[in-house]
Amino acid sequence: MPVTLPDGSPGMEFTIDQARFPHRFAADVPEGVAQLMAVTQRPVTGAALEEPAPEPGRRTLPSWAVVATEDLNIPPAA
């Protein structure tokens, strides 16, 4: 959906389609919980997905990673 960002510029907000949400985002929780999650989800702005990150903490802090090989939204290669 189109939105106006805090600086007045145009932007976009994204949500997961409520009908597809249980399968795409909450396949491992009870159906009722997944449906509640679908109707109460908060949108994310395109700017949040495009904003550059500062110096990564992994260079100075211990870090771990989890690769969700069955994630339906973010492919493991990403």
N, C-alpha and C. Protein backbone atom coordinates (compact mmCIF):
# COMPACT_ATOMS: atom_id res chain seq x y z
N MET A 1 0.84 -1.17 0.00
CA MET A 1 0.00 0.00 0.00
C MET A 1 0.89 1.25 0.00
N PRO A 2 0.51 2.27 -0.75
CA PRO A 2 1.27 3.52 -0.72
C PRO A 2 1.09 4.24 0.62
N VAL A 3 2.16 4.83 1.13
CA VAL A 3 2.13 5.60 2.38
C VAL A 3 3.01 6.84 2.22
N THR A 4 2.83 7.78 3.14
CA THR A 4 3.72 8.93 3.21
C THR A 4 4.68 8.68 4.37
N LEU A 5 5.97 8.71 4.10
CA LEU A 5 6.98 8.47 5.12
C LEU A 5 7.13 9.69 6.02
N PRO A 6 7.75 9.52 7.19
CA PRO A 6 7.89 10.64 8.13
C PRO A 6 8.53 11.89 7.53
N ASP A 7 9.41 11.72 6.53
CA ASP A 7 10.04 12.89 5.92
C ASP A 7 9.18 13.51 4.83
N GLY A 8 7.96 12.97 4.63
CA GLY A 8 7.04 13.50 3.63
C GLY A 8 7.15 12.86 2.26
N SER A 9 8.14 12.02 2.06
CA SER A 9 8.31 11.37 0.76
C SER A 9 7.36 10.17 0.63
N PRO A 10 7.05 9.78 -0.61
CA PRO A 10 6.17 8.63 -0.81
C PRO A 10 6.93 7.33 -0.55
N GLY A 11 6.20 6.35 -0.05
CA GLY A 11 6.79 5.04 0.20
C GLY A 11 5.74 3.96 0.05
N MET A 12 6.14 2.74 0.34
CA MET A 12 5.24 1.59 0.25
C MET A 12 5.32 0.81 1.56
N GLU A 13 4.18 0.24 1.96
CA GLU A 13 4.12 -0.68 3.09
C GLU A 13 3.72 -2.05 2.56
N PHE A 14 4.28 -3.09 3.16
CA PHE A 14 4.01 -4.45 2.72
C PHE A 14 3.47 -5.29 3.86
N THR A 15 2.51 -6.13 3.55
CA THR A 15 2.00 -7.13 4.49
C THR A 15 1.88 -8.45 3.73
N ILE A 16 1.73 -9.52 4.48
CA ILE A 16 1.49 -10.83 3.87
C ILE A 16 -0.01 -11.01 3.74
N ASP A 17 -0.48 -11.42 2.58
CA ASP A 17 -1.90 -11.65 2.34
C ASP A 17 -2.45 -12.54 3.45
N GLN A 18 -3.55 -12.10 4.10
CA GLN A 18 -4.10 -12.83 5.24
C GLN A 18 -4.48 -14.26 4.90
N ALA A 19 -4.98 -14.50 3.71
CA ALA A 19 -5.37 -15.86 3.33
C ALA A 19 -4.15 -16.76 3.18
N ARG A 20 -3.03 -16.20 2.79
CA ARG A 20 -1.81 -16.98 2.58
C ARG A 20 -0.90 -17.02 3.80
N PHE A 21 -1.17 -16.14 4.76
CA PHE A 21 -0.31 -15.99 5.93
C PHE A 21 -0.07 -17.30 6.68
N PRO A 22 -1.12 -18.07 7.04
CA PRO A 22 -0.87 -19.29 7.82
C PRO A 22 0.14 -20.23 7.15
N HIS A 23 0.02 -20.45 5.86
CA HIS A 23 0.94 -21.36 5.17
C HIS A 23 2.31 -20.73 4.96
N ARG A 24 2.35 -19.47 4.57
CA ARG A 24 3.61 -18.82 4.21
C ARG A 24 4.45 -18.42 5.42
N PHE A 25 3.80 -18.06 6.53
CA PHE A 25 4.53 -17.45 7.62
C PHE A 25 4.36 -18.16 8.96
N ALA A 26 3.33 -18.97 9.11
CA ALA A 26 3.06 -19.57 10.42
C ALA A 26 2.62 -21.03 10.29
N ALA A 27 3.27 -21.76 9.42
CA ALA A 27 2.87 -23.14 9.15
C ALA A 27 3.08 -24.07 10.35
N ASP A 28 3.90 -23.64 11.30
CA ASP A 28 4.21 -24.50 12.44
C ASP A 28 3.42 -24.18 13.70
N VAL A 29 2.39 -23.34 13.60
CA VAL A 29 1.57 -23.01 14.77
C VAL A 29 0.12 -23.42 14.51
N PRO A 30 -0.68 -23.58 15.57
CA PRO A 30 -2.08 -23.95 15.37
C PRO A 30 -2.80 -22.94 14.45
N GLU A 31 -3.75 -23.44 13.67
CA GLU A 31 -4.46 -22.62 12.69
C GLU A 31 -5.07 -21.36 13.30
N GLY A 32 -5.70 -21.48 14.47
CA GLY A 32 -6.30 -20.31 15.11
C GLY A 32 -5.27 -19.24 15.45
N VAL A 33 -4.11 -19.67 15.92
CA VAL A 33 -3.04 -18.73 16.24
C VAL A 33 -2.54 -18.07 14.97
N ALA A 34 -2.37 -18.86 13.91
CA ALA A 34 -1.91 -18.32 12.63
C ALA A 34 -2.90 -17.29 12.07
N GLN A 35 -4.18 -17.57 12.21
CA GLN A 35 -5.19 -16.62 11.72
C GLN A 35 -5.15 -15.32 12.53
N LEU A 36 -4.97 -15.44 13.84
CA LEU A 36 -4.85 -14.24 14.68
C LEU A 36 -3.61 -13.43 14.28
N MET A 37 -2.51 -14.13 14.04
CA MET A 37 -1.29 -13.45 13.59
C MET A 37 -1.53 -12.73 12.27
N ALA A 38 -2.28 -13.36 11.38
CA ALA A 38 -2.54 -12.77 10.06
C ALA A 38 -3.30 -11.45 10.16
N VAL A 39 -4.31 -11.39 11.04
CA VAL A 39 -5.11 -10.17 11.12
C VAL A 39 -4.48 -9.10 12.00
N THR A 40 -3.47 -9.45 12.79
CA THR A 40 -2.84 -8.46 13.65
C THR A 40 -1.42 -8.09 13.21
N GLN A 41 -1.00 -8.60 12.05
CA GLN A 41 0.36 -8.30 11.59
C GLN A 41 0.53 -6.80 11.35
N ARG A 42 1.74 -6.32 11.54
CA ARG A 42 2.08 -4.92 11.27
C ARG A 42 2.81 -4.86 9.95
N PRO A 43 2.56 -3.85 9.16
CA PRO A 43 3.26 -3.74 7.87
C PRO A 43 4.72 -3.34 8.05
N VAL A 44 5.50 -3.62 7.04
CA VAL A 44 6.89 -3.16 6.99
C VAL A 44 7.00 -2.22 5.79
N THR A 45 7.74 -1.14 5.94
CA THR A 45 7.90 -0.22 4.82
C THR A 45 9.03 -0.69 3.91
N GLY A 46 8.92 -0.35 2.66
CA GLY A 46 9.97 -0.66 1.71
C GLY A 46 11.30 -0.04 2.15
N ALA A 47 11.23 1.14 2.77
CA ALA A 47 12.45 1.80 3.23
C ALA A 47 13.20 0.93 4.24
N ALA A 48 12.47 0.21 5.09
CA ALA A 48 13.12 -0.66 6.07
C ALA A 48 13.87 -1.80 5.38
N LEU A 49 13.41 -2.21 4.22
CA LEU A 49 14.05 -3.29 3.50
C LEU A 49 15.22 -2.81 2.65
N GLU A 50 15.30 -1.51 2.40
CA GLU A 50 16.33 -0.96 1.52
C GLU A 50 17.40 -0.16 2.25
N GLU A 51 17.17 0.18 3.50
CA GLU A 51 18.10 1.03 4.24
C GLU A 51 19.43 0.31 4.46
N PRO A 52 20.55 0.97 4.14
CA PRO A 52 21.85 0.32 4.35
C PRO A 52 22.12 0.12 5.83
N ALA A 53 22.79 -0.96 6.15
CA ALA A 53 23.16 -1.27 7.53
C ALA A 53 24.50 -0.63 7.86
N PRO A 54 24.71 -0.29 9.14
CA PRO A 54 26.02 0.22 9.54
C PRO A 54 27.03 -0.94 9.58
N GLU A 55 28.20 -0.67 10.10
CA GLU A 55 29.24 -1.69 10.23
C GLU A 55 28.65 -2.93 10.92
N PRO A 56 28.78 -4.10 10.30
CA PRO A 56 28.19 -5.30 10.90
C PRO A 56 28.84 -5.68 12.22
N GLY A 57 28.01 -6.01 13.20
CA GLY A 57 28.50 -6.42 14.51
C GLY A 57 29.27 -7.72 14.46
N ARG A 58 29.02 -8.55 13.43
CA ARG A 58 29.69 -9.85 13.38
C ARG A 58 31.21 -9.70 13.26
N ARG A 59 31.68 -8.51 12.89
CA ARG A 59 33.12 -8.32 12.78
C ARG A 59 33.79 -8.08 14.13
N THR A 60 33.00 -7.66 15.11
CA THR A 60 33.57 -7.37 16.42
C THR A 60 32.93 -8.15 17.56
N LEU A 61 31.77 -8.79 17.31
CA LEU A 61 31.05 -9.54 18.34
C LEU A 61 30.88 -10.99 17.91
N PRO A 62 30.89 -11.92 18.88
CA PRO A 62 30.60 -13.30 18.50
C PRO A 62 29.21 -13.37 17.88
N SER A 63 29.05 -14.20 16.88
CA SER A 63 27.74 -14.31 16.25
C SER A 63 27.46 -15.75 15.82
N TRP A 64 26.18 -16.03 15.63
CA TRP A 64 25.72 -17.33 15.20
C TRP A 64 24.73 -17.12 14.08
N ALA A 65 24.47 -18.15 13.34
CA ALA A 65 23.50 -18.05 12.25
C ALA A 65 22.61 -19.29 12.25
N VAL A 66 21.38 -19.09 11.87
CA VAL A 66 20.45 -20.19 11.66
C VAL A 66 19.97 -20.07 10.23
N VAL A 67 20.09 -21.13 9.47
CA VAL A 67 19.59 -21.13 8.10
C VAL A 67 18.34 -21.99 8.08
N ALA A 68 17.21 -21.34 7.86
CA ALA A 68 15.92 -22.05 7.81
C ALA A 68 15.73 -22.61 6.41
N THR A 69 16.03 -23.86 6.23
CA THR A 69 16.01 -24.45 4.89
C THR A 69 14.60 -24.64 4.34
N GLU A 70 13.59 -24.53 5.20
CA GLU A 70 12.22 -24.68 4.73
C GLU A 70 11.42 -23.39 4.83
N ASP A 71 12.09 -22.26 4.98
CA ASP A 71 11.41 -20.98 5.04
C ASP A 71 10.74 -20.71 3.69
N LEU A 72 9.49 -20.29 3.72
CA LEU A 72 8.73 -20.04 2.50
C LEU A 72 8.82 -18.61 2.03
N ASN A 73 9.43 -17.73 2.82
CA ASN A 73 9.48 -16.32 2.46
C ASN A 73 10.88 -15.83 2.12
N ILE A 74 11.88 -16.33 2.81
CA ILE A 74 13.25 -15.91 2.56
C ILE A 74 14.03 -17.16 2.14
N PRO A 75 14.45 -17.23 0.88
CA PRO A 75 15.19 -18.42 0.44
C PRO A 75 16.54 -18.50 1.14
N PRO A 76 17.04 -19.71 1.46
CA PRO A 76 18.32 -19.86 2.14
C PRO A 76 19.46 -19.12 1.45
N ALA A 77 19.44 -19.02 0.13
CA ALA A 77 20.50 -18.32 -0.59
C ALA A 77 20.56 -16.83 -0.23
N ALA A 78 19.43 -16.27 0.18
CA ALA A 78 19.41 -14.85 0.54
C ALA A 78 20.05 -14.64 1.90
